[in-house]
Amino acid sequence: MDRKELYRYILSLCDEAGVKFLFGTEISGVLFDNRKITGLKITKDSEKEKIYADLVIDAAGMYSVVRRNLPAFCGIQRDFPERDIFHVYRAYYKNSEKQYASVPYVMDLFHNGR
């Protein structure tokens, strides 16, 4: 699926639902109320704030401050053994139009740096 089209669709749904995006913000922790995540502790422009939310989605990857600061009762693994980590590199190359005429996207997977 065309990623830009997917992003446009998801952002239109967010806009309709009144989602607020904060950029240039450092997340320092998670807010809880009765064992339920209710928001995030943030720092924006050197000011510490608490942001409360109905839903918190952590999409910051394996080194996420949110995941690493969750208490044990959440049952979320804080760190990963090196053998469980899979590094991905994404690159775009200009190919001749004839090479992949019928396929808009091609993915090549290599193992152990090859």
Protein backbone atom coordinates (compact mmCIF):
# COMPACT_ATOMS: atom_id res chain seq x y z
CA MET A 1 0.00 0.00 0.00
CA ASP A 2 1.24 3.49 -0.76
CA ARG A 3 2.51 4.78 2.59
CA LYS A 4 1.67 8.43 1.84
CA GLU A 5 -1.92 7.54 1.06
CA LEU A 6 -2.17 5.46 4.24
CA TYR A 7 -0.75 8.35 6.30
CA ARG A 8 -3.22 10.80 4.75
CA TYR A 9 -6.09 8.48 5.64
CA ILE A 10 -4.92 7.90 9.24
CA LEU A 11 -4.30 11.61 9.80
CA SER A 12 -7.77 12.46 8.47
CA LEU A 13 -9.26 10.06 11.04
CA CYS A 14 -7.13 11.65 13.76
CA ASP A 15 -8.29 15.11 12.72
CA GLU A 16 -11.96 14.02 12.84
CA ALA A 17 -11.43 12.54 16.33
CA GLY A 18 -9.75 15.71 17.63
CA VAL A 19 -6.30 14.18 18.15
CA LYS A 20 -3.65 16.67 19.25
CA PHE A 21 -0.04 16.12 18.09
CA LEU A 22 2.86 17.60 20.08
CA PHE A 23 6.21 17.97 18.32
CA GLY A 24 9.58 18.86 19.82
CA THR A 25 8.51 17.24 23.07
CA GLU A 26 10.58 14.99 25.32
CA ILE A 27 8.71 12.22 27.12
CA SER A 28 10.07 11.62 30.60
CA GLY A 29 7.55 9.20 32.09
CA VAL A 30 4.08 7.75 32.32
CA LEU A 31 1.11 8.87 34.44
CA PHE A 32 -0.95 6.24 36.24
CA ASP A 33 -4.23 6.23 38.10
CA ASN A 34 -5.26 3.00 39.81
CA ARG A 35 -2.92 0.83 37.66
CA LYS A 36 -4.16 2.43 34.42
CA ILE A 37 -2.06 4.61 32.11
CA THR A 38 -3.72 8.02 32.02
CA GLY A 39 -1.12 10.17 30.28
CA LEU A 40 2.50 11.19 29.93
CA LYS A 41 5.04 13.37 31.73
CA ILE A 42 6.69 15.62 29.16
CA THR A 43 9.20 18.45 28.82
CA LYS A 44 8.55 21.08 26.17
CA ASP A 45 10.61 24.26 25.89
CA SER A 46 12.29 23.42 29.26
CA GLU A 47 8.88 23.31 30.97
CA LYS A 48 7.69 20.09 32.63
CA GLU A 49 4.05 19.21 32.02
CA LYS A 50 1.59 16.40 32.55
CA ILE A 51 -0.53 15.49 29.54
CA TYR A 52 -3.64 13.43 30.29
CA ALA A 53 -5.19 11.27 27.59
CA ASP A 54 -7.91 8.69 27.01
CA LEU A 55 -5.46 6.65 24.95
CA VAL A 56 -1.65 6.54 24.92
CA ILE A 57 0.01 4.82 21.97
CA ASP A 58 3.72 4.11 22.31
CA ALA A 59 5.22 3.86 18.84
CA ALA A 60 8.71 5.00 19.79
CA GLY A 61 10.43 1.68 19.16
CA MET A 62 12.56 -0.61 21.24
CA TYR A 63 14.30 2.19 23.17
CA SER A 64 11.04 3.88 24.14
CA VAL A 65 11.10 5.88 27.39
CA VAL A 66 7.47 4.89 27.92
CA ARG A 67 8.08 1.14 27.69
CA ARG A 68 11.26 1.27 29.77
CA ASN A 69 9.47 3.12 32.60
CA LEU A 70 6.39 0.93 32.87
CA PRO A 71 6.00 -0.82 36.22
CA ALA A 72 6.30 -4.60 36.42
CA PHE A 73 2.53 -5.09 36.82
CA CYS A 74 2.09 -4.04 33.17
CA GLY A 75 3.89 -7.20 32.06
CA ILE A 76 5.88 -5.38 29.37
CA GLN A 77 9.51 -6.36 28.71
CA ARG A 78 11.82 -3.40 29.40
CA ASP A 79 14.91 -4.46 27.46
CA PHE A 80 15.72 -7.00 24.77
CA PRO A 81 18.59 -9.48 24.60
CA GLU A 82 20.95 -8.72 21.69
CA ARG A 83 19.95 -11.98 19.96
CA ASP A 84 16.33 -10.74 19.78
CA ILE A 85 17.15 -7.48 17.99
CA PHE A 86 16.65 -7.23 14.22
CA HIS A 87 18.08 -4.07 12.65
CA VAL A 88 16.44 -2.70 9.51
CA TYR A 89 17.86 -0.26 7.00
CA ARG A 90 15.58 1.40 4.49
CA ALA A 91 16.95 3.00 1.36
CA TYR A 92 15.40 4.31 -1.83
CA TYR A 93 17.04 3.87 -5.19
CA LYS A 94 16.04 5.21 -8.55
CA ASN A 95 15.55 2.24 -10.88
CA SER A 96 14.74 2.27 -14.52
CA GLU A 97 10.98 2.20 -15.09
CA LYS A 98 11.29 -0.97 -17.13
CA GLN A 99 12.91 -2.94 -14.31
CA TYR A 100 9.80 -3.03 -12.06
CA ALA A 101 7.09 -1.84 -14.41
CA SER A 102 4.22 -3.83 -12.83
CA VAL A 103 5.30 -3.59 -9.14
CA PRO A 104 5.38 -0.16 -7.45
CA TYR A 105 7.43 -1.32 -4.43
CA VAL A 106 10.16 -3.94 -4.08
CA MET A 107 11.70 -5.13 -0.82
CA ASP A 108 15.01 -6.98 -0.66
CA LEU A 109 15.95 -8.73 2.59
CA PHE A 110 19.53 -9.57 3.46
CA HIS A 111 20.87 -11.51 6.43
CA ASN A 112 23.89 -10.70 8.64
CA GLY A 113 24.90 -7.55 6.80
CA ARG A 114 24.80 -9.07 3.31
